[in-house]
């Protein structure tokens, strides 16, 4: 099965999500947050840098729990800016 390429809007959303997660991580190490979220540090690095703009839902739940961020807040970051304004 071939995966459909992400749209530019989805890539931009992934970059916003990554930046928000990086900001929320603060001074905590990538390894500490990744371990708490149940993912590898490399996966977290890819999400934070926007190289993994569409992470799995379970990954987002783990990061939400590890960072103490409500899922709804992460969803708002990921939604297109025009949709958030509606």
PDB file of N, CA and C in Angstrom:
ATOM      1  N   UNK A   1       0.839  -1.182   0.000  1.00  0.00           N
ATOM      2  CA  UNK A   1       0.000   0.000   0.000  1.00  0.00           C
ATOM      3  C   UNK A   1       0.880   1.239   0.000  1.00  0.00           C
ATOM      4  N   UNK A   2       0.558   2.173  -0.858  1.00  0.00           N
ATOM      5  CA  UNK A   2       1.310   3.413  -0.976  1.00  0.00           C
ATOM      6  C   UNK A   2       0.591   4.490  -0.168  1.00  0.00           C
ATOM      7  N   UNK A   3       1.338   5.158   0.655  1.00  0.00           N
ATOM      8  CA  UNK A   3       0.769   6.217   1.474  1.00  0.00           C
ATOM      9  C   UNK A   3       0.672   7.506   0.665  1.00  0.00           C
ATOM     10  N   UNK A   4      -0.461   8.170   0.773  1.00  0.00           N
ATOM     11  CA  UNK A   4      -0.667   9.442   0.091  1.00  0.00           C
ATOM     12  C   UNK A   4       0.227  10.501   0.726  1.00  0.00           C
ATOM     13  N   UNK A   5       0.945  11.274  -0.090  1.00  0.00           N
ATOM     14  CA  UNK A   5       1.803  12.319   0.480  1.00  0.00           C
ATOM     15  C   UNK A   5       0.979  13.330   1.282  1.00  0.00           C
ATOM     16  N   UNK A   6       1.593  13.861   2.310  1.00  0.00           N
ATOM     17  CA  UNK A   6       0.925  14.882   3.118  1.00  0.00           C
ATOM     18  C   UNK A   6       0.851  16.185   2.341  1.00  0.00           C
ATOM     19  N   UNK A   7      -0.199  16.923   2.588  1.00  0.00           N
ATOM     20  CA  UNK A   7      -0.356  18.231   1.960  1.00  0.00           C
ATOM     21  C   UNK A   7       0.558  19.238   2.662  1.00  0.00           C
ATOM     22  N   UNK A   8       0.829  20.362   2.009  1.00  0.00           N
ATOM     23  CA  UNK A   8       1.620  21.400   2.668  1.00  0.00           C
ATOM     24  C   UNK A   8       0.990  21.858   3.992  1.00  0.00           C
ATOM     25  N   UNK A   9      -0.344  21.885   4.054  1.00  0.00           N
ATOM     26  CA  UNK A   9      -1.017  22.284   5.296  1.00  0.00           C
ATOM     27  C   UNK A   9      -0.764  21.258   6.406  1.00  0.00           C
ATOM     28  N   UNK A  10      -0.752  19.979   6.061  1.00  0.00           N
ATOM     29  CA  UNK A  10      -0.479  18.942   7.056  1.00  0.00           C
ATOM     30  C   UNK A  10       0.968  19.000   7.535  1.00  0.00           C
ATOM     31  N   UNK A  11       1.878  19.285   6.634  1.00  0.00           N
ATOM     32  CA  UNK A  11       3.278  19.429   7.008  1.00  0.00           C
ATOM     33  C   UNK A  11       3.439  20.626   7.946  1.00  0.00           C
ATOM     34  N   UNK A  12       2.786  21.736   7.628  1.00  0.00           N
ATOM     35  CA  UNK A  12       2.849  22.924   8.492  1.00  0.00           C
ATOM     36  C   UNK A  12       2.248  22.627   9.864  1.00  0.00           C
ATOM     37  N   UNK A  13       1.159  21.873   9.890  1.00  0.00           N
ATOM     38  CA  UNK A  13       0.535  21.506  11.162  1.00  0.00           C
ATOM     39  C   UNK A  13       1.493  20.662  11.995  1.00  0.00           C
ATOM     40  N   UNK A  14       2.196  19.748  11.358  1.00  0.00           N
ATOM     41  CA  UNK A  14       3.173  18.928  12.065  1.00  0.00           C
ATOM     42  C   UNK A  14       4.303  19.763  12.644  1.00  0.00           C
ATOM     43  N   UNK A  15       4.706  20.774  11.931  1.00  0.00           N
ATOM     44  CA  UNK A  15       5.765  21.665  12.438  1.00  0.00           C
ATOM     45  C   UNK A  15       5.271  22.461  13.646  1.00  0.00           C
ATOM     46  N   UNK A  16       4.015  22.917  13.585  1.00  0.00           N
ATOM     47  CA  UNK A  16       3.452  23.638  14.748  1.00  0.00           C
ATOM     48  C   UNK A  16       3.359  22.710  15.954  1.00  0.00           C
ATOM     49  N   UNK A  17       2.918  21.479  15.712  1.00  0.00           N
ATOM     50  CA  UNK A  17       2.812  20.507  16.795  1.00  0.00           C
ATOM     51  C   UNK A  17       4.187  20.244  17.402  1.00  0.00           C
ATOM     52  N   UNK A  18       5.177  20.034  16.558  1.00  0.00           N
ATOM     53  CA  UNK A  18       6.533  19.783  17.046  1.00  0.00           C
ATOM     54  C   UNK A  18       7.067  20.936  17.874  1.00  0.00           C
ATOM     55  N   UNK A  19       6.835  22.155  17.419  1.00  0.00           N
ATOM     56  CA  UNK A  19       7.305  23.326  18.156  1.00  0.00           C
ATOM     57  C   UNK A  19       6.599  23.435  19.507  1.00  0.00           C
ATOM     58  N   UNK A  20       5.314  23.145  19.537  1.00  0.00           N
ATOM     59  CA  UNK A  20       4.563  23.212  20.794  1.00  0.00           C
ATOM     60  C   UNK A  20       5.055  22.151  21.778  1.00  0.00           C
ATOM     61  N   UNK A  21       5.326  20.960  21.273  1.00  0.00           N
ATOM     62  CA  UNK A  21       5.832  19.903  22.150  1.00  0.00           C
ATOM     63  C   UNK A  21       7.219  20.249  22.675  1.00  0.00           C
ATOM     64  N   UNK A  22       8.046  20.807  21.822  1.00  0.00           N
ATOM     65  CA  UNK A  22       9.398  21.198  22.251  1.00  0.00           C
ATOM     66  C   UNK A  22       9.313  22.267  23.328  1.00  0.00           C
ATOM     67  N   UNK A  23       8.438  23.237  23.144  1.00  0.00           N
ATOM     68  CA  UNK A  23       8.281  24.296  24.145  1.00  0.00           C
ATOM     69  C   UNK A  23       7.769  23.723  25.465  1.00  0.00           C
ATOM     70  N   UNK A  24       6.847  22.789  25.389  1.00  0.00           N
ATOM     71  CA  UNK A  24       6.288  22.180  26.598  1.00  0.00           C
ATOM     72  C   UNK A  24       7.323  21.321  27.318  1.00  0.00           C
ATOM     73  N   UNK A  25       8.239  20.735  26.571  1.00  0.00           N
ATOM     74  CA  UNK A  25       9.274  19.901  27.182  1.00  0.00           C
ATOM     75  C   UNK A  25      10.187  20.725  28.055  1.00  0.00           C
ATOM     76  N   UNK A  26      10.402  21.993  27.678  1.00  0.00           N
ATOM     77  CA  UNK A  26      11.223  22.889  28.482  1.00  0.00           C
ATOM     78  C   UNK A  26      12.616  22.339  28.715  1.00  0.00           C
ATOM     79  N   UNK A  27      13.017  22.279  29.992  1.00  0.00           N
ATOM     80  CA  UNK A  27      14.360  21.829  30.354  1.00  0.00           C
ATOM     81  C   UNK A  27      14.462  20.314  30.487  1.00  0.00           C
ATOM     82  N   UNK A  28      13.348  19.612  30.398  1.00  0.00           N
ATOM     83  CA  UNK A  28      13.401  18.144  30.498  1.00  0.00           C
ATOM     84  C   UNK A  28      14.157  17.582  29.305  1.00  0.00           C
ATOM     85  N   UNK A  29      14.874  16.515  29.523  1.00  0.00           N
ATOM     86  CA  UNK A  29      15.616  15.915  28.422  1.00  0.00           C
ATOM     87  C   UNK A  29      14.674  15.175  27.476  1.00  0.00           C
ATOM     88  N   UNK A  30      15.104  15.065  26.251  1.00  0.00           N
ATOM     89  CA  UNK A  30      14.348  14.333  25.249  1.00  0.00           C
ATOM     90  C   UNK A  30      14.183  12.871  25.681  1.00  0.00           C
ATOM     91  N   UNK A  31      15.227  12.319  26.258  1.00  0.00           N
ATOM     92  CA  UNK A  31      15.191  10.926  26.710  1.00  0.00           C
ATOM     93  C   UNK A  31      14.151  10.735  27.810  1.00  0.00           C
ATOM     94  N   UNK A  32      14.083  11.661  28.759  1.00  0.00           N
ATOM     95  CA  UNK A  32      13.127  11.571  29.869  1.00  0.00           C
ATOM     96  C   UNK A  32      11.687  11.626  29.356  1.00  0.00           C
ATOM     97  N   UNK A  33      11.403  12.568  28.494  1.00  0.00           N
ATOM     98  CA  UNK A  33      10.045  12.713  27.962  1.00  0.00           C
ATOM     99  C   UNK A  33       9.684  11.523  27.084  1.00  0.00           C
ATOM    100  N   UNK A  34      10.614  11.100  26.244  1.00  0.00           N
ATOM    101  CA  UNK A  34      10.348   9.951  25.368  1.00  0.00           C
ATOM    102  C   UNK A  34      10.049   8.706  26.199  1.00  0.00           C
ATOM    103  N   UNK A  35      10.850   8.468  27.222  1.00  0.00           N
ATOM    104  CA  UNK A  35      10.634   7.300  28.086  1.00  0.00           C
ATOM    105  C   UNK A  35       9.269   7.378  28.746  1.00  0.00           C
ATOM    106  N   UNK A  36       8.907   8.543  29.256  1.00  0.00           N
ATOM    107  CA  UNK A  36       7.596   8.730  29.895  1.00  0.00           C
ATOM    108  C   UNK A  36       6.447   8.527  28.915  1.00  0.00           C
ATOM    109  N   UNK A  37       6.671   8.886  27.660  1.00  0.00           N
ATOM    110  CA  UNK A  37       5.633   8.768  26.631  1.00  0.00           C
ATOM    111  C   UNK A  37       5.590   7.385  25.994  1.00  0.00           C
ATOM    112  N   UNK A  38       6.601   6.557  26.269  1.00  0.00           N
ATOM    113  CA  UNK A  38       6.639   5.224  25.689  1.00  0.00           C
ATOM    114  C   UNK A  38       7.097   5.190  24.247  1.00  0.00           C
ATOM    115  N   UNK A  39       7.918   6.184  23.868  1.00  0.00           N
ATOM    116  CA  UNK A  39       8.446   6.241  22.504  1.00  0.00           C
ATOM    117  C   UNK A  39       9.961   6.381  22.574  1.00  0.00           C
ATOM    118  N   UNK A  40      10.613   6.255  21.441  1.00  0.00           N
ATOM    119  CA  UNK A  40      12.067   6.414  21.413  1.00  0.00           C
ATOM    120  C   UNK A  40      12.430   7.896  21.346  1.00  0.00           C
ATOM    121  N   UNK A  41      13.611   8.241  21.857  1.00  0.00           N
ATOM    122  CA  UNK A  41      14.064   9.632  21.720  1.00  0.00           C
ATOM    123  C   UNK A  41      14.138  10.074  20.260  1.00  0.00           C
ATOM    124  N   UNK A  42      14.486   9.141  19.361  1.00  0.00           N
ATOM    125  CA  UNK A  42      14.563   9.488  17.932  1.00  0.00           C
ATOM    126  C   UNK A  42      13.183   9.854  17.387  1.00  0.00           C
ATOM    127  N   UNK A  43      12.152   9.144  17.817  1.00  0.00           N
ATOM    128  CA  UNK A  43      10.790   9.490  17.381  1.00  0.00           C
ATOM    129  C   UNK A  43      10.419  10.874  17.881  1.00  0.00           C
ATOM    130  N   UNK A  44      10.721  11.163  19.130  1.00  0.00           N
ATOM    131  CA  UNK A  44      10.429  12.493  19.672  1.00  0.00           C
ATOM    132  C   UNK A  44      11.207  13.562  18.915  1.00  0.00           C
ATOM    133  N   UNK A  45      12.458  13.289  18.610  1.00  0.00           N
ATOM    134  CA  UNK A  45      13.278  14.247  17.848  1.00  0.00           C
ATOM    135  C   UNK A  45      12.640  14.527  16.491  1.00  0.00           C
ATOM    136  N   UNK A  46      12.174  13.480  15.818  1.00  0.00           N
ATOM    137  CA  UNK A  46      11.548  13.660  14.505  1.00  0.00           C
ATOM    138  C   UNK A  46      10.262  14.474  14.604  1.00  0.00           C
ATOM    139  N   UNK A  47       9.476  14.234  15.649  1.00  0.00           N
ATOM    140  CA  UNK A  47       8.235  14.994  15.823  1.00  0.00           C
ATOM    141  C   UNK A  47       8.557  16.456  16.101  1.00  0.00           C
ATOM    142  N   UNK A  48       9.489  16.703  17.025  1.00  0.00           N
ATOM    143  CA  UNK A  48       9.826  18.084  17.393  1.00  0.00           C
ATOM    144  C   UNK A  48      10.406  18.880  16.231  1.00  0.00           C
ATOM    145  N   UNK A  49      11.116  18.226  15.346  1.00  0.00           N
ATOM    146  CA  UNK A  49      11.732  18.940  14.215  1.00  0.00           C
ATOM    147  C   UNK A  49      10.843  18.991  12.987  1.00  0.00           C
ATOM    148  N   UNK A  50       9.661  18.354  13.059  1.00  0.00           N
ATOM    149  CA  UNK A  50       8.744  18.388  11.934  1.00  0.00           C
ATOM    150  C   UNK A  50       9.012  17.341  10.883  1.00  0.00           C
ATOM    151  N   UNK A  51       9.979  16.453  11.112  1.00  0.00           N
ATOM    152  CA  UNK A  51      10.265  15.389  10.137  1.00  0.00           C
ATOM    153  C   UNK A  51       9.251  14.257  10.228  1.00  0.00           C
ATOM    154  N   UNK A  52       8.461  14.235  11.289  1.00  0.00           N
ATOM    155  CA  UNK A  52       7.373  13.264  11.445  1.00  0.00           C
ATOM    156  C   UNK A  52       6.112  14.080  11.740  1.00  0.00           C
ATOM    157  N   UNK A  53       5.533  14.697  10.688  1.00  0.00           N
ATOM    158  CA  UNK A  53       4.444  15.646  10.889  1.00  0.00           C
ATOM    159  C   UNK A  53       3.095  15.025  11.226  1.00  0.00           C
ATOM    160  N   UNK A  54       2.984  13.709  11.090  1.00  0.00           N
ATOM    161  CA  UNK A  54       1.704  13.061  11.335  1.00  0.00           C
ATOM    162  C   UNK A  54       1.912  11.832  12.233  1.00  0.00           C
ATOM    163  N   UNK A  55       2.284  12.060  13.502  1.00  0.00           N
ATOM    164  CA  UNK A  55       2.548  10.922  14.388  1.00  0.00           C
ATOM    165  C   UNK A  55       1.274  10.147  14.712  1.00  0.00           C
ATOM    166  N   UNK A  56       1.454   8.903  15.122  1.00  0.00           N
ATOM    167  CA  UNK A  56       0.325   8.043  15.476  1.00  0.00           C
ATOM    168  C   UNK A  56      -0.441   8.629  16.671  1.00  0.00           C
ATOM    169  N   UNK A  57      -1.729   8.348  16.712  1.00  0.00           N
ATOM    170  CA  UNK A  57      -2.577   8.862  17.780  1.00  0.00           C
ATOM    171  C   UNK A  57      -2.069   8.418  19.154  1.00  0.00           C
ATOM    172  N   UNK A  58      -1.660   7.151  19.268  1.00  0.00           N
ATOM    173  CA  UNK A  58      -1.140   6.654  20.538  1.00  0.00           C
ATOM    174  C   UNK A  58       0.103   7.404  20.988  1.00  0.00           C
ATOM    175  N   UNK A  59       0.915   7.817  20.030  1.00  0.00           N
ATOM    176  CA  UNK A  59       2.115   8.595  20.335  1.00  0.00           C
ATOM    177  C   UNK A  59       1.720   9.954  20.912  1.00  0.00           C
ATOM    178  N   UNK A  60       0.711  10.576  20.323  1.00  0.00           N
ATOM    179  CA  UNK A  60       0.259  11.879  20.812  1.00  0.00           C
ATOM    180  C   UNK A  60      -0.339  11.754  22.213  1.00  0.00           C
ATOM    181  N   UNK A  61      -1.082  10.672  22.451  1.00  0.00           N
ATOM    182  CA  UNK A  61      -1.631  10.450  23.792  1.00  0.00           C
ATOM    183  C   UNK A  61      -0.496  10.317  24.810  1.00  0.00           C
ATOM    184  N   UNK A  62       0.515   9.525  24.460  1.00  0.00           N
ATOM    185  CA  UNK A  62       1.652   9.355  25.362  1.00  0.00           C
ATOM    186  C   UNK A  62       2.365  10.660  25.651  1.00  0.00           C
ATOM    187  N   UNK A  63       2.560  11.482  24.625  1.00  0.00           N
ATOM    188  CA  UNK A  63       3.210  12.773  24.823  1.00  0.00           C
ATOM    189  C   UNK A  63       2.329  13.723  25.634  1.00  0.00           C
ATOM    190  N   UNK A  64       1.041  13.680  25.381  1.00  0.00           N
ATOM    191  CA  UNK A  64       0.096  14.495  26.150  1.00  0.00           C
ATOM    192  C   UNK A  64       0.207  14.156  27.636  1.00  0.00           C
ATOM    193  N   UNK A  65       0.210  12.867  27.945  1.00  0.00           N
ATOM    194  CA  UNK A  65       0.328  12.435  29.338  1.00  0.00           C
ATOM    195  C   UNK A  65       1.682  12.803  29.929  1.00  0.00           C
ATOM    196  N   UNK A  66       2.750  12.541  29.182  1.00  0.00           N
ATOM    197  CA  UNK A  66       4.103  12.791  29.685  1.00  0.00           C
ATOM    198  C   UNK A  66       4.354  14.269  29.963  1.00  0.00           C
ATOM    199  N   UNK A  67       3.763  15.133  29.137  1.00  0.00           N
ATOM    200  CA  UNK A  67       3.992  16.573  29.268  1.00  0.00           C
ATOM    201  C   UNK A  67       2.890  17.295  30.032  1.00  0.00           C
ATOM    202  N   UNK A  68       1.822  16.575  30.361  1.00  0.00           N
ATOM    203  CA  UNK A  68       0.721  17.209  31.084  1.00  0.00           C
ATOM    204  C   UNK A  68      -0.036  18.220  30.242  1.00  0.00           C
ATOM    205  N   UNK A  69      -0.156  17.936  28.955  1.00  0.00           N
ATOM    206  CA  UNK A  69      -0.876  18.824  28.036  1.00  0.00           C
ATOM    207  C   UNK A  69      -2.180  18.139  27.652  1.00  0.00           C
ATOM    208  N   UNK A  70      -3.315  18.814  27.803  1.00  0.00           N
ATOM    209  CA  UNK A  70      -4.580  18.196  27.365  1.00  0.00           C
ATOM    210  C   UNK A  70      -4.559  17.909  25.860  1.00  0.00           C
ATOM    211  N   UNK A  71      -5.126  16.781  25.478  1.00  0.00           N
ATOM    212  CA  UNK A  71      -5.190  16.425  24.057  1.00  0.00           C
ATOM    213  C   UNK A  71      -5.841  17.521  23.228  1.00  0.00           C
ATOM    214  N   UNK A  72      -6.870  18.143  23.765  1.00  0.00           N
ATOM    215  CA  UNK A  72      -7.554  19.209  23.027  1.00  0.00           C
ATOM    216  C   UNK A  72      -6.592  20.354  22.694  1.00  0.00           C
ATOM    217  N   UNK A  73      -5.679  20.654  23.598  1.00  0.00           N
ATOM    218  CA  UNK A  73      -4.698  21.716  23.326  1.00  0.00           C
ATOM    219  C   UNK A  73      -3.792  21.336  22.163  1.00  0.00           C
ATOM    220  N   UNK A  74      -3.366  20.083  22.124  1.00  0.00           N
ATOM    221  CA  UNK A  74      -2.527  19.635  21.009  1.00  0.00           C
ATOM    222  C   UNK A  74      -3.310  19.625  19.704  1.00  0.00           C
ATOM    223  N   UNK A  75      -4.584  19.263  19.777  1.00  0.00           N
ATOM    224  CA  UNK A  75      -5.421  19.281  18.576  1.00  0.00           C
ATOM    225  C   UNK A  75      -5.556  20.705  18.038  1.00  0.00           C
ATOM    226  N   UNK A  76      -5.706  21.661  18.925  1.00  0.00           N
ATOM    227  CA  UNK A  76      -5.823  23.066  18.490  1.00  0.00           C
ATOM    228  C   UNK A  76      -4.559  23.543  17.794  1.00  0.00           C
ATOM    229  N   UNK A  77      -3.407  23.110  18.275  1.00  0.00           N
ATOM    230  CA  UNK A  77      -2.148  23.475  17.640  1.00  0.00           C
ATOM    231  C   UNK A  77      -2.061  22.883  16.240  1.00  0.00           C
ATOM    232  N   UNK A  78      -2.549  21.644  16.099  1.00  0.00           N
ATOM    233  CA  UNK A  78      -2.411  20.942  14.819  1.00  0.00           C
ATOM    234  C   UNK A  78      -3.425  21.422  13.776  1.00  0.00           C
ATOM    235  N   UNK A  79      -4.598  21.853  14.230  1.00  0.00           N
ATOM    236  CA  UNK A  79      -5.630  22.285  13.272  1.00  0.00           C
ATOM    237  C   UNK A  79      -5.142  23.477  12.448  1.00  0.00           C
ATOM    238  N   UNK A  80      -5.596  23.543  11.200  1.00  0.00           N
ATOM    239  CA  UNK A  80      -5.227  24.713  10.384  1.00  0.00           C
ATOM    240  C   UNK A  80      -5.682  25.998  11.070  1.00  0.00           C
ATOM    241  N   UNK A  81      -4.916  27.034  10.886  1.00  0.00           N
ATOM    242  CA  UNK A  81      -5.211  28.301  11.537  1.00  0.00           C
ATOM    243  C   UNK A  81      -6.600  28.804  11.150  1.00  0.00           C
ATOM    244  N   UNK A  82      -7.005  28.616   9.907  1.00  0.00           N
ATOM    245  CA  UNK A  82      -8.344  29.066   9.483  1.00  0.00           C
ATOM    246  C   UNK A  82      -9.440  28.299  10.206  1.00  0.00           C
ATOM    247  N   UNK A  83      -9.235  26.997  10.478  1.00  0.00           N
ATOM    248  CA  UNK A  83     -10.232  26.193  11.187  1.00  0.00           C
ATOM    249  C   UNK A  83     -10.296  26.595  12.649  1.00  0.00           C
ATOM    250  N   UNK A  84      -9.169  26.944  13.240  1.00  0.00           N
ATOM    251  CA  UNK A  84      -9.149  27.333  14.652  1.00  0.00           C
ATOM    252  C   UNK A  84      -9.873  28.659  14.861  1.00  0.00           C
ATOM    253  N   UNK A  85      -9.864  29.505  13.836  1.00  0.00           N
ATOM    254  CA  UNK A  85     -10.527  30.811  13.952  1.00  0.00           C
ATOM    255  C   UNK A  85     -12.033  30.715  13.776  1.00  0.00           C
ATOM    256  N   UNK A  86     -12.513  29.612  13.211  1.00  0.00           N
ATOM    257  CA  UNK A  86     -13.948  29.454  12.946  1.00  0.00           C
ATOM    258  C   UNK A  86     -14.753  29.253  14.184  1.00  0.00           C
TER     259      UNK A  86
END
